[in-house]
Amino acid sequence: MNVVSYLLDEDHGDVKINVNDADNEGNTLLSLVLVNEAITGEGKTLLPQIEYLTEKGANASIPNATGQTPFHYFVSKPTILRTTKFFFEYETPANESRLSKEEYLKAVDMLTGDRKAEIANTLDDDGNTIVEEALKHGNFLLAEKIFDCNQNDAIERWAKAMENEENVESNILHRINEAISVFLCTHSHNFATSSK
């Protein structure tokens, strides 16, 4: 981020640096920040990076060469946030360094801005909406946040798919059930710690 700050904040004469310029694969700086996160929420550096880049005009809806936007990368990562319940590992340094629920939702708001409904209806290369992609990764918090932006469209989509018997083996009820399994696997350490 020191290099990024130098490029974006310093005067480079006639050379103008655009925060949304892309590399050879079409990834912007915001995409690169998000693609390199192994697990969203594990560290406190992500929120200031998103904040800084969005303040500089970074656009979270610019697709790269494979059609992935920065927000797609954000959604596609496992998410572990700070726990606040006494029976989880809430007093450990690892837990204290995680993003809180409020900080995570602030990052979502910065990445989606006033385009939440539009983003909620965007399909990825596999034909999944953001809600479905969030469920795929066991991220109920994000799924609920995005679902609130387009409840009617989402319900209509799922009802139509069930009526037409499209993907009967993976309808929305199956996806929610699978999301529970993914969530439990992702957070198994917290549950193991709480039972000691």
N, C-alpha and C. Protein backbone atom coordinates (compact mmCIF):
# COMPACT_ATOMS: atom_id res chain seq x y z
N MET A 1 0.82 -1.21 0.00
CA MET A 1 0.00 0.00 0.00
C MET A 1 0.86 1.26 0.00
N ASN A 2 2.10 1.16 0.47
CA ASN A 2 2.99 2.33 0.39
C ASN A 2 3.27 2.70 -1.05
N VAL A 3 3.47 1.69 -1.90
CA VAL A 3 3.71 1.94 -3.33
C VAL A 3 2.45 2.53 -3.96
N VAL A 4 1.30 1.97 -3.62
CA VAL A 4 0.02 2.47 -4.16
C VAL A 4 -0.19 3.91 -3.74
N SER A 5 0.07 4.20 -2.47
CA SER A 5 -0.07 5.56 -1.97
C SER A 5 0.86 6.52 -2.70
N TYR A 6 2.08 6.08 -2.95
CA TYR A 6 3.04 6.91 -3.70
C TYR A 6 2.50 7.20 -5.10
N LEU A 7 1.98 6.17 -5.75
CA LEU A 7 1.48 6.35 -7.12
C LEU A 7 0.26 7.26 -7.18
N LEU A 8 -0.64 7.12 -6.21
CA LEU A 8 -1.91 7.85 -6.26
C LEU A 8 -1.85 9.23 -5.61
N ASP A 9 -0.98 9.41 -4.63
CA ASP A 9 -0.98 10.66 -3.86
C ASP A 9 0.09 11.67 -4.27
N GLU A 10 1.16 11.17 -4.87
CA GLU A 10 2.26 12.06 -5.22
C GLU A 10 2.06 12.67 -6.61
N ASP A 11 2.71 13.80 -6.84
CA ASP A 11 2.66 14.46 -8.15
C ASP A 11 3.69 13.81 -9.06
N HIS A 12 3.24 13.29 -10.19
CA HIS A 12 4.14 12.64 -11.15
C HIS A 12 4.22 13.42 -12.46
N GLY A 13 4.03 14.72 -12.36
CA GLY A 13 4.13 15.57 -13.55
C GLY A 13 3.02 15.26 -14.54
N ASP A 14 3.43 15.02 -15.79
CA ASP A 14 2.45 14.76 -16.85
C ASP A 14 1.84 13.36 -16.79
N VAL A 15 2.45 12.48 -15.99
CA VAL A 15 1.95 11.10 -15.89
C VAL A 15 0.78 11.08 -14.91
N LYS A 16 -0.37 10.64 -15.38
CA LYS A 16 -1.55 10.56 -14.53
C LYS A 16 -1.84 9.09 -14.22
N ILE A 17 -1.95 8.78 -12.95
CA ILE A 17 -2.26 7.41 -12.51
C ILE A 17 -3.74 7.33 -12.19
N ASN A 18 -4.41 6.38 -12.80
CA ASN A 18 -5.84 6.17 -12.56
C ASN A 18 -6.00 4.96 -11.66
N VAL A 19 -6.73 5.10 -10.58
CA VAL A 19 -6.92 4.02 -9.62
C VAL A 19 -7.59 2.80 -10.25
N ASN A 20 -8.30 3.03 -11.37
CA ASN A 20 -9.00 1.92 -12.04
C ASN A 20 -8.24 1.35 -13.23
N ASP A 21 -6.99 1.77 -13.42
CA ASP A 21 -6.17 1.14 -14.46
C ASP A 21 -5.99 -0.33 -14.11
N ALA A 22 -5.92 -1.16 -15.15
CA ALA A 22 -5.85 -2.61 -14.94
C ALA A 22 -4.53 -3.18 -15.43
N ASP A 23 -4.17 -4.34 -14.87
CA ASP A 23 -2.99 -5.04 -15.34
C ASP A 23 -3.33 -5.87 -16.58
N ASN A 24 -2.42 -6.71 -17.04
CA ASN A 24 -2.64 -7.48 -18.28
C ASN A 24 -3.82 -8.45 -18.18
N GLU A 25 -4.18 -8.85 -16.96
CA GLU A 25 -5.33 -9.75 -16.77
C GLU A 25 -6.62 -8.98 -16.52
N GLY A 26 -6.53 -7.65 -16.54
CA GLY A 26 -7.72 -6.83 -16.33
C GLY A 26 -8.03 -6.55 -14.88
N ASN A 27 -7.12 -6.89 -13.97
CA ASN A 27 -7.35 -6.65 -12.55
C ASN A 27 -6.95 -5.24 -12.16
N THR A 28 -7.85 -4.54 -11.48
CA THR A 28 -7.55 -3.22 -10.94
C THR A 28 -6.85 -3.39 -9.59
N LEU A 29 -6.40 -2.28 -9.01
CA LEU A 29 -5.78 -2.33 -7.68
C LEU A 29 -6.74 -2.93 -6.65
N LEU A 30 -8.02 -2.55 -6.74
CA LEU A 30 -9.00 -3.07 -5.79
C LEU A 30 -9.17 -4.58 -5.96
N SER A 31 -9.18 -5.04 -7.21
CA SER A 31 -9.25 -6.49 -7.47
C SER A 31 -8.06 -7.20 -6.84
N LEU A 32 -6.88 -6.65 -7.03
CA LEU A 32 -5.66 -7.29 -6.51
C LEU A 32 -5.65 -7.34 -4.99
N VAL A 33 -6.15 -6.28 -4.34
CA VAL A 33 -6.24 -6.30 -2.88
C VAL A 33 -7.15 -7.43 -2.43
N LEU A 34 -8.30 -7.57 -3.10
CA LEU A 34 -9.30 -8.56 -2.68
C LEU A 34 -8.94 -9.98 -3.08
N VAL A 35 -8.31 -10.15 -4.24
CA VAL A 35 -7.96 -11.50 -4.68
C VAL A 35 -6.87 -12.10 -3.80
N ASN A 36 -6.06 -11.25 -3.18
CA ASN A 36 -4.97 -11.74 -2.35
C ASN A 36 -5.36 -11.98 -0.90
N GLU A 37 -6.61 -11.75 -0.56
CA GLU A 37 -7.11 -12.08 0.78
C GLU A 37 -7.41 -13.57 0.81
N ALA A 38 -6.80 -14.31 1.68
CA ALA A 38 -7.10 -15.74 1.79
C ALA A 38 -8.44 -15.95 2.48
N ILE A 39 -8.63 -15.24 3.59
CA ILE A 39 -9.88 -15.31 4.35
C ILE A 39 -10.27 -13.88 4.69
N THR A 40 -11.45 -13.48 4.27
CA THR A 40 -11.91 -12.12 4.55
C THR A 40 -12.23 -12.00 6.03
N GLY A 41 -11.75 -10.91 6.62
CA GLY A 41 -12.06 -10.64 8.02
C GLY A 41 -10.96 -11.02 8.99
N GLU A 42 -9.96 -11.77 8.52
CA GLU A 42 -8.92 -12.24 9.44
C GLU A 42 -8.01 -11.13 9.96
N GLY A 43 -7.87 -10.07 9.19
CA GLY A 43 -6.99 -8.99 9.61
C GLY A 43 -7.66 -7.65 9.47
N LYS A 44 -7.12 -6.66 10.17
CA LYS A 44 -7.70 -5.32 10.17
C LYS A 44 -7.22 -4.46 9.00
N THR A 45 -6.32 -4.98 8.17
CA THR A 45 -5.79 -4.14 7.10
C THR A 45 -6.74 -4.00 5.91
N LEU A 46 -7.65 -4.95 5.73
CA LEU A 46 -8.52 -4.93 4.55
C LEU A 46 -9.42 -3.69 4.51
N LEU A 47 -10.07 -3.37 5.61
CA LEU A 47 -11.01 -2.25 5.63
C LEU A 47 -10.33 -0.92 5.27
N PRO A 48 -9.18 -0.57 5.87
CA PRO A 48 -8.53 0.68 5.47
C PRO A 48 -8.09 0.69 3.99
N GLN A 49 -7.71 -0.48 3.46
CA GLN A 49 -7.31 -0.55 2.06
C GLN A 49 -8.51 -0.27 1.15
N ILE A 50 -9.65 -0.91 1.46
CA ILE A 50 -10.86 -0.68 0.66
C ILE A 50 -11.28 0.78 0.79
N GLU A 51 -11.23 1.30 2.01
CA GLU A 51 -11.62 2.69 2.26
C GLU A 51 -10.76 3.65 1.45
N TYR A 52 -9.46 3.44 1.51
CA TYR A 52 -8.52 4.31 0.79
C TYR A 52 -8.78 4.26 -0.72
N LEU A 53 -8.89 3.06 -1.27
CA LEU A 53 -9.06 2.92 -2.71
C LEU A 53 -10.41 3.45 -3.19
N THR A 54 -11.48 3.21 -2.43
CA THR A 54 -12.79 3.74 -2.85
C THR A 54 -12.83 5.26 -2.74
N GLU A 55 -12.14 5.82 -1.74
CA GLU A 55 -12.04 7.28 -1.65
C GLU A 55 -11.31 7.86 -2.85
N LYS A 56 -10.38 7.08 -3.40
CA LYS A 56 -9.64 7.51 -4.58
C LYS A 56 -10.40 7.25 -5.88
N GLY A 57 -11.61 6.67 -5.76
CA GLY A 57 -12.45 6.45 -6.93
C GLY A 57 -12.45 5.04 -7.48
N ALA A 58 -11.92 4.07 -6.72
CA ALA A 58 -11.91 2.68 -7.19
C ALA A 58 -13.33 2.19 -7.40
N ASN A 59 -13.53 1.50 -8.50
CA ASN A 59 -14.84 0.99 -8.89
C ASN A 59 -14.87 -0.51 -8.70
N ALA A 60 -15.76 -1.00 -7.83
CA ALA A 60 -15.83 -2.43 -7.51
C ALA A 60 -16.59 -3.25 -8.53
N SER A 61 -17.07 -2.60 -9.60
CA SER A 61 -17.85 -3.34 -10.60
C SER A 61 -17.12 -3.52 -11.92
N ILE A 62 -15.84 -3.17 -11.97
CA ILE A 62 -15.07 -3.33 -13.21
C ILE A 62 -14.62 -4.79 -13.34
N PRO A 63 -15.07 -5.48 -14.39
CA PRO A 63 -14.68 -6.89 -14.55
C PRO A 63 -13.28 -7.02 -15.12
N ASN A 64 -12.61 -8.11 -14.76
CA ASN A 64 -11.31 -8.41 -15.36
C ASN A 64 -11.52 -9.24 -16.62
N ALA A 65 -10.47 -9.82 -17.15
CA ALA A 65 -10.56 -10.56 -18.41
C ALA A 65 -11.45 -11.79 -18.31
N THR A 66 -11.65 -12.32 -17.12
CA THR A 66 -12.51 -13.50 -16.95
C THR A 66 -13.90 -13.13 -16.44
N GLY A 67 -14.20 -11.83 -16.38
CA GLY A 67 -15.52 -11.38 -15.96
C GLY A 67 -15.70 -11.23 -14.47
N GLN A 68 -14.63 -11.44 -13.69
CA GLN A 68 -14.71 -11.30 -12.23
C GLN A 68 -14.50 -9.84 -11.83
N THR A 69 -15.39 -9.32 -11.01
CA THR A 69 -15.24 -7.96 -10.49
C THR A 69 -14.58 -8.03 -9.11
N PRO A 70 -14.11 -6.89 -8.59
CA PRO A 70 -13.59 -6.89 -7.22
C PRO A 70 -14.60 -7.43 -6.22
N PHE A 71 -15.89 -7.11 -6.41
CA PHE A 71 -16.90 -7.59 -5.47
C PHE A 71 -17.06 -9.10 -5.56
N HIS A 72 -16.92 -9.67 -6.77
CA HIS A 72 -16.95 -11.13 -6.90
C HIS A 72 -15.83 -11.76 -6.07
N TYR A 73 -14.65 -11.16 -6.11
CA TYR A 73 -13.53 -11.69 -5.32
C TYR A 73 -13.84 -11.60 -3.83
N PHE A 74 -14.42 -10.49 -3.43
CA PHE A 74 -14.79 -10.29 -2.03
C PHE A 74 -15.77 -11.37 -1.57
N VAL A 75 -16.76 -11.66 -2.40
CA VAL A 75 -17.79 -12.65 -2.06
C VAL A 75 -17.22 -14.07 -2.06
N SER A 76 -16.24 -14.32 -2.92
CA SER A 76 -15.76 -15.70 -3.13
C SER A 76 -14.81 -16.20 -2.03
N LYS A 77 -14.50 -15.37 -1.08
CA LYS A 77 -13.55 -15.77 -0.02
C LYS A 77 -14.30 -16.27 1.21
N PRO A 78 -13.74 -17.26 1.89
CA PRO A 78 -14.30 -17.62 3.19
C PRO A 78 -14.20 -16.41 4.12
N THR A 79 -15.15 -16.27 5.02
CA THR A 79 -15.19 -15.11 5.90
C THR A 79 -15.22 -15.57 7.36
N ILE A 80 -14.31 -15.04 8.15
CA ILE A 80 -14.31 -15.30 9.59
C ILE A 80 -14.21 -13.95 10.28
N LEU A 81 -15.25 -13.60 11.03
CA LEU A 81 -15.29 -12.32 11.71
C LEU A 81 -15.06 -12.48 13.21
N ARG A 82 -14.90 -11.36 13.89
CA ARG A 82 -14.67 -11.37 15.33
C ARG A 82 -15.89 -11.96 16.04
N THR A 83 -15.65 -12.87 16.94
CA THR A 83 -16.74 -13.44 17.73
C THR A 83 -16.90 -12.64 19.00
N THR A 84 -18.15 -12.55 19.46
CA THR A 84 -18.42 -11.76 20.66
C THR A 84 -19.07 -12.59 21.75
N LYS A 85 -19.35 -13.83 21.46
CA LYS A 85 -20.00 -14.69 22.45
C LYS A 85 -18.96 -15.30 23.37
N PHE A 86 -19.28 -15.41 24.64
CA PHE A 86 -18.31 -15.89 25.63
C PHE A 86 -17.85 -17.31 25.37
N PHE A 87 -18.67 -18.13 24.69
CA PHE A 87 -18.29 -19.52 24.51
C PHE A 87 -17.41 -19.74 23.29
N PHE A 88 -17.13 -18.68 22.55
CA PHE A 88 -16.17 -18.77 21.46
C PHE A 88 -14.83 -18.23 21.95
N GLU A 89 -13.83 -18.27 21.07
CA GLU A 89 -12.49 -17.82 21.46
C GLU A 89 -12.41 -16.30 21.40
N TYR A 90 -13.25 -15.63 22.15
CA TYR A 90 -13.38 -14.18 22.02
C TYR A 90 -12.26 -13.39 22.67
N GLU A 91 -11.44 -14.00 23.51
CA GLU A 91 -10.38 -13.25 24.19
C GLU A 91 -9.00 -13.49 23.59
N THR A 92 -8.92 -14.17 22.47
CA THR A 92 -7.62 -14.47 21.88
C THR A 92 -7.15 -13.32 20.99
N PRO A 93 -5.83 -13.18 20.82
CA PRO A 93 -5.31 -12.15 19.92
C PRO A 93 -5.82 -12.33 18.48
N ALA A 94 -5.95 -13.58 18.03
CA ALA A 94 -6.45 -13.83 16.67
C ALA A 94 -7.85 -13.26 16.51
N ASN A 95 -8.69 -13.46 17.49
CA ASN A 95 -10.06 -12.95 17.41
C ASN A 95 -10.07 -11.42 17.44
N GLU A 96 -9.24 -10.83 18.27
CA GLU A 96 -9.20 -9.37 18.37
C GLU A 96 -8.73 -8.70 17.08
N SER A 97 -7.94 -9.41 16.27
CA SER A 97 -7.43 -8.82 15.04
C SER A 97 -8.41 -8.94 13.87
N ARG A 98 -9.52 -9.63 14.08
CA ARG A 98 -10.51 -9.81 13.01
C ARG A 98 -11.43 -8.61 12.88
N LEU A 99 -12.06 -8.50 11.70
CA LEU A 99 -13.07 -7.47 11.50
C LEU A 99 -14.32 -7.81 12.30
N SER A 100 -14.97 -6.77 12.81
CA SER A 100 -16.26 -6.97 13.47
C SER A 100 -17.34 -7.07 12.38
N LYS A 101 -18.52 -7.48 12.78
CA LYS A 101 -19.65 -7.55 11.86
C LYS A 101 -19.90 -6.17 11.24
N GLU A 102 -19.85 -5.13 12.07
CA GLU A 102 -20.11 -3.77 11.59
C GLU A 102 -19.04 -3.33 10.58
N GLU A 103 -17.77 -3.66 10.86
CA GLU A 103 -16.69 -3.30 9.93
C GLU A 103 -16.84 -4.04 8.61
N TYR A 104 -17.22 -5.32 8.69
CA TYR A 104 -17.43 -6.11 7.47
C TYR A 104 -18.56 -5.51 6.63
N LEU A 105 -19.67 -5.16 7.27
CA LEU A 105 -20.80 -4.58 6.52
C LEU A 105 -20.45 -3.20 5.97
N LYS A 106 -19.56 -2.48 6.65
CA LYS A 106 -19.08 -1.20 6.13
C LYS A 106 -18.29 -1.44 4.83
N ALA A 107 -17.47 -2.49 4.82
CA ALA A 107 -16.73 -2.84 3.60
C ALA A 107 -17.69 -3.19 2.47
N VAL A 108 -18.74 -3.94 2.77
CA VAL A 108 -19.76 -4.28 1.75
C VAL A 108 -20.37 -3.00 1.20
N ASP A 109 -20.73 -2.06 2.08
CA ASP A 109 -21.34 -0.80 1.64
C ASP A 109 -20.38 0.00 0.76
N MET A 110 -19.10 0.02 1.13
CA MET A 110 -18.13 0.76 0.32
C MET A 110 -17.97 0.14 -1.07
N LEU A 111 -18.02 -1.20 -1.12
CA LEU A 111 -17.83 -1.89 -2.40
C LEU A 111 -19.07 -1.85 -3.30
N THR A 112 -20.24 -1.71 -2.71
CA THR A 112 -21.47 -1.73 -3.51
C THR A 112 -22.08 -0.36 -3.70
N GLY A 113 -21.83 0.55 -2.78
CA GLY A 113 -22.37 1.91 -2.89
C GLY A 113 -23.87 1.91 -3.08
N ASP A 114 -24.34 2.69 -4.04
CA ASP A 114 -25.78 2.77 -4.30
C ASP A 114 -26.22 1.79 -5.39
N ARG A 115 -25.38 0.81 -5.70
CA ARG A 115 -25.68 -0.15 -6.76
C ARG A 115 -26.01 -1.54 -6.22
N LYS A 116 -26.42 -1.64 -4.95
CA LYS A 116 -26.67 -2.93 -4.32
C LYS A 116 -27.67 -3.79 -5.09
N ALA A 117 -28.79 -3.21 -5.49
CA ALA A 117 -29.83 -3.99 -6.20
C ALA A 117 -29.30 -4.50 -7.53
N GLU A 118 -28.59 -3.64 -8.26
CA GLU A 118 -28.00 -4.05 -9.55
C GLU A 118 -26.98 -5.17 -9.35
N ILE A 119 -26.11 -5.00 -8.35
CA ILE A 119 -25.09 -6.00 -8.06
C ILE A 119 -25.74 -7.31 -7.61
N ALA A 120 -26.81 -7.21 -6.84
CA ALA A 120 -27.49 -8.40 -6.34
C ALA A 120 -28.03 -9.27 -7.47
N ASN A 121 -28.40 -8.65 -8.58
CA ASN A 121 -28.96 -9.39 -9.72
C ASN A 121 -27.92 -9.84 -10.74
N THR A 122 -26.67 -9.45 -10.55
CA THR A 122 -25.62 -9.82 -11.49
C THR A 122 -25.30 -11.30 -11.37
N LEU A 123 -25.21 -11.97 -12.52
CA LEU A 123 -24.87 -13.39 -12.54
C LEU A 123 -23.38 -13.56 -12.83
N ASP A 124 -22.74 -14.50 -12.14
CA ASP A 124 -21.35 -14.80 -12.45
C ASP A 124 -21.28 -15.81 -13.60
N ASP A 125 -20.08 -16.25 -13.93
CA ASP A 125 -19.91 -17.18 -15.06
C ASP A 125 -20.62 -18.50 -14.87
N ASP A 126 -20.90 -18.88 -13.60
CA ASP A 126 -21.61 -20.14 -13.32
C ASP A 126 -23.12 -19.95 -13.25
N GLY A 127 -23.59 -18.71 -13.48
CA GLY A 127 -25.02 -18.44 -13.44
C GLY A 127 -25.57 -18.21 -12.05
N ASN A 128 -24.69 -17.91 -11.08
CA ASN A 128 -25.11 -17.66 -9.71
C ASN A 128 -25.21 -16.16 -9.43
N THR A 129 -26.20 -15.79 -8.63
CA THR A 129 -26.28 -14.42 -8.14
C THR A 129 -25.31 -14.27 -6.97
N ILE A 130 -25.16 -13.04 -6.50
CA ILE A 130 -24.27 -12.79 -5.36
C ILE A 130 -24.79 -13.52 -4.12
N VAL A 131 -26.11 -13.55 -3.92
CA VAL A 131 -26.66 -14.27 -2.77
C VAL A 131 -26.28 -15.74 -2.83
N GLU A 132 -26.43 -16.33 -4.01
CA GLU A 132 -26.11 -17.76 -4.18
C GLU A 132 -24.62 -18.02 -4.01
N GLU A 133 -23.80 -17.10 -4.49
CA GLU A 133 -22.35 -17.23 -4.32
C GLU A 133 -21.97 -17.10 -2.84
N ALA A 134 -22.60 -16.18 -2.14
CA ALA A 134 -22.34 -16.03 -0.71
C ALA A 134 -22.74 -17.29 0.05
N LEU A 135 -23.88 -17.88 -0.30
CA LEU A 135 -24.31 -19.12 0.34
C LEU A 135 -23.33 -20.26 0.05
N LYS A 136 -22.81 -20.27 -1.17
CA LYS A 136 -21.84 -21.30 -1.55
C LYS A 136 -20.65 -21.31 -0.60
N HIS A 137 -20.31 -20.14 -0.07
CA HIS A 137 -19.16 -20.01 0.83
C HIS A 137 -19.59 -19.92 2.30
N GLY A 138 -20.86 -20.25 2.56
CA GLY A 138 -21.34 -20.26 3.95
C GLY A 138 -21.44 -18.90 4.58
N ASN A 139 -21.53 -17.85 3.77
CA ASN A 139 -21.55 -16.48 4.28
C ASN A 139 -22.99 -15.99 4.37
N PHE A 140 -23.66 -16.34 5.47
CA PHE A 140 -25.06 -15.95 5.67
C PHE A 140 -25.22 -14.46 5.87
N LEU A 141 -24.25 -13.81 6.49
CA LEU A 141 -24.33 -12.37 6.74
C LEU A 141 -24.41 -11.60 5.42
N LEU A 142 -23.52 -11.92 4.49
CA LEU A 142 -23.53 -11.24 3.20
C LEU A 142 -24.76 -11.64 2.39
N ALA A 143 -25.13 -12.92 2.42
CA ALA A 143 -26.32 -13.37 1.69
C ALA A 143 -27.55 -12.60 2.14
N GLU A 144 -27.69 -12.42 3.45
CA GLU A 144 -28.85 -11.69 3.97
C GLU A 144 -28.81 -10.22 3.57
N LYS A 145 -27.63 -9.61 3.65
CA LYS A 145 -27.48 -8.19 3.29
C LYS A 145 -27.86 -7.95 1.83
N ILE A 146 -27.38 -8.81 0.94
CA ILE A 146 -27.68 -8.64 -0.48
C ILE A 146 -29.12 -9.06 -0.79
N PHE A 147 -29.62 -10.10 -0.12
CA PHE A 147 -31.01 -10.53 -0.31
C PHE A 147 -31.97 -9.40 0.02
N ASP A 148 -31.66 -8.62 1.05
CA ASP A 148 -32.52 -7.50 1.43
C ASP A 148 -32.65 -6.45 0.32
N CYS A 149 -31.68 -6.43 -0.59
CA CYS A 149 -31.70 -5.45 -1.69
C CYS A 149 -32.62 -5.86 -2.83
N ASN A 150 -32.89 -7.15 -2.95
CA ASN A 150 -33.70 -7.60 -4.09
C ASN A 150 -34.53 -8.84 -3.74
N GLN A 151 -35.21 -8.81 -2.63
CA GLN A 151 -35.98 -9.97 -2.17
C GLN A 151 -36.94 -10.49 -3.23
N ASN A 152 -37.72 -9.60 -3.83
CA ASN A 152 -38.74 -10.03 -4.80
C ASN A 152 -38.12 -10.72 -6.00
N ASP A 153 -37.05 -10.12 -6.55
CA ASP A 153 -36.38 -10.72 -7.71
C ASP A 153 -35.79 -12.09 -7.36
N ALA A 154 -35.18 -12.18 -6.19
CA ALA A 154 -34.55 -13.44 -5.79
C ALA A 154 -35.60 -14.54 -5.60
N ILE A 155 -36.70 -14.22 -4.92
CA ILE A 155 -37.75 -15.22 -4.68
C ILE A 155 -38.37 -15.65 -6.00
N GLU A 156 -38.60 -14.68 -6.88
CA GLU A 156 -39.16 -15.01 -8.20
C GLU A 156 -38.23 -15.92 -8.99
N ARG A 157 -36.95 -15.65 -8.94
CA ARG A 157 -35.95 -16.47 -9.64
C ARG A 157 -35.96 -17.90 -9.11
N TRP A 158 -35.96 -18.05 -7.78
CA TRP A 158 -35.91 -19.37 -7.18
C TRP A 158 -37.21 -20.14 -7.40
N ALA A 159 -38.34 -19.43 -7.32
CA ALA A 159 -39.64 -20.08 -7.55
C ALA A 159 -39.74 -20.57 -8.99
N LYS A 160 -39.30 -19.75 -9.92
CA LYS A 160 -39.34 -20.11 -11.34
C LYS A 160 -38.45 -21.33 -11.60
N ALA A 161 -37.27 -21.34 -11.00
CA ALA A 161 -36.35 -22.48 -11.18
C ALA A 161 -36.97 -23.76 -10.64
N MET A 162 -37.66 -23.67 -9.51
CA MET A 162 -38.29 -24.86 -8.93
C MET A 162 -39.49 -25.32 -9.76
N GLU A 163 -40.26 -24.35 -10.30
CA GLU A 163 -41.40 -24.70 -11.14
C GLU A 163 -40.95 -25.39 -12.42
N ASN A 164 -39.86 -24.90 -12.98
CA ASN A 164 -39.34 -25.46 -14.22
C ASN A 164 -38.45 -26.67 -13.98
N GLU A 165 -38.30 -27.03 -12.70
CA GLU A 165 -37.47 -28.16 -12.29
C GLU A 165 -36.03 -28.02 -12.78
N GLU A 166 -35.56 -26.77 -12.86
CA GLU A 166 -34.16 -26.52 -13.20
C GLU A 166 -33.32 -26.77 -11.96
N ASN A 167 -32.27 -27.50 -12.10
CA ASN A 167 -31.34 -27.76 -11.00
C ASN A 167 -32.08 -28.19 -9.72
N VAL A 168 -32.97 -29.14 -9.86
CA VAL A 168 -33.75 -29.59 -8.71
C VAL A 168 -32.84 -30.07 -7.59
N GLU A 169 -31.71 -30.67 -7.97
CA GLU A 169 -30.79 -31.17 -6.95
C GLU A 169 -30.05 -30.05 -6.23
N SER A 170 -30.12 -28.83 -6.75
CA SER A 170 -29.43 -27.72 -6.08
C SER A 170 -30.32 -26.48 -6.05
N ASN A 171 -31.58 -26.64 -5.64
CA ASN A 171 -32.44 -25.46 -5.52
C ASN A 171 -32.02 -24.67 -4.29
N ILE A 172 -32.71 -23.58 -4.02
CA ILE A 172 -32.27 -22.67 -2.96
C ILE A 172 -32.27 -23.35 -1.59
N LEU A 173 -33.20 -24.26 -1.35
CA LEU A 173 -33.23 -24.95 -0.06
C LEU A 173 -31.99 -25.84 0.11
N HIS A 174 -31.59 -26.51 -0.98
CA HIS A 174 -30.37 -27.31 -0.94
C HIS A 174 -29.15 -26.41 -0.70
N ARG A 175 -29.14 -25.26 -1.36
CA ARG A 175 -28.01 -24.34 -1.21
C ARG A 175 -27.88 -23.84 0.23
N ILE A 176 -29.01 -23.55 0.86
CA ILE A 176 -28.98 -23.11 2.25
C ILE A 176 -28.45 -24.22 3.14
N ASN A 177 -28.91 -25.44 2.91
CA ASN A 177 -28.45 -26.59 3.69
C ASN A 177 -26.94 -26.80 3.50
N GLU A 178 -26.47 -26.71 2.26
CA GLU A 178 -25.03 -26.85 2.00
C GLU A 178 -24.25 -25.71 2.65
N ALA A 179 -24.84 -24.51 2.67
CA ALA A 179 -24.17 -23.36 3.28
C ALA A 179 -23.95 -23.58 4.77
N ILE A 180 -24.88 -24.26 5.42
CA ILE A 180 -24.71 -24.56 6.85
C ILE A 180 -23.48 -25.44 7.05
N SER A 181 -23.31 -26.44 6.19
CA SER A 181 -22.15 -27.33 6.28
C SER A 181 -20.85 -26.57 6.06
N VAL A 182 -20.85 -25.69 5.06
CA VAL A 182 -19.65 -24.89 4.76
C VAL A 182 -19.33 -23.98 5.94
N PHE A 183 -20.37 -23.34 6.48
CA PHE A 183 -20.18 -22.45 7.63
C PHE A 183 -19.57 -23.21 8.81
N LEU A 184 -20.12 -24.38 9.10
CA LEU A 184 -19.61 -25.17 10.23
C LEU A 184 -18.17 -25.61 10.01
N CYS A 185 -17.82 -25.98 8.77
CA CYS A 185 -16.43 -26.36 8.48
C CYS A 185 -15.49 -25.16 8.64
N THR A 186 -15.91 -24.01 8.13
CA THR A 186 -15.09 -22.81 8.19
C THR A 186 -14.85 -22.38 9.63
N HIS A 187 -15.87 -22.56 10.48
CA HIS A 187 -15.79 -22.08 11.85
C HIS A 187 -15.57 -23.21 12.86
N SER A 188 -15.15 -24.37 12.39
CA SER A 188 -15.00 -25.52 13.29
C SER A 188 -13.98 -25.25 14.41
N HIS A 189 -12.96 -24.44 14.13
CA HIS A 189 -11.96 -24.12 15.16
C HIS A 189 -12.62 -23.40 16.33
N ASN A 190 -13.51 -22.44 16.00
CA ASN A 190 -14.22 -21.71 17.06
C ASN A 190 -15.06 -22.64 17.90
N PHE A 191 -15.75 -23.58 17.23
CA PHE A 191 -16.60 -24.51 17.97
C PHE A 191 -15.75 -25.47 18.82
N ALA A 192 -14.62 -25.91 18.27
CA ALA A 192 -13.72 -26.80 19.01
C ALA A 192 -13.17 -26.09 20.25
N THR A 193 -12.79 -24.83 20.08
CA THR A 193 -12.25 -24.04 21.18
C THR A 193 -13.30 -23.84 22.26
N SER A 194 -14.56 -23.63 21.83
CA SER A 194 -15.62 -23.34 22.80
C SER A 194 -15.98 -24.57 23.63
N SER A 195 -15.70 -25.76 23.14
CA SER A 195 -16.09 -26.96 23.87
C SER A 195 -15.03 -27.42 24.86
N LYS A 196 -13.87 -26.75 24.86
CA LYS A 196 -12.80 -27.17 25.78
C LYS A 196 -13.10 -26.73 27.21
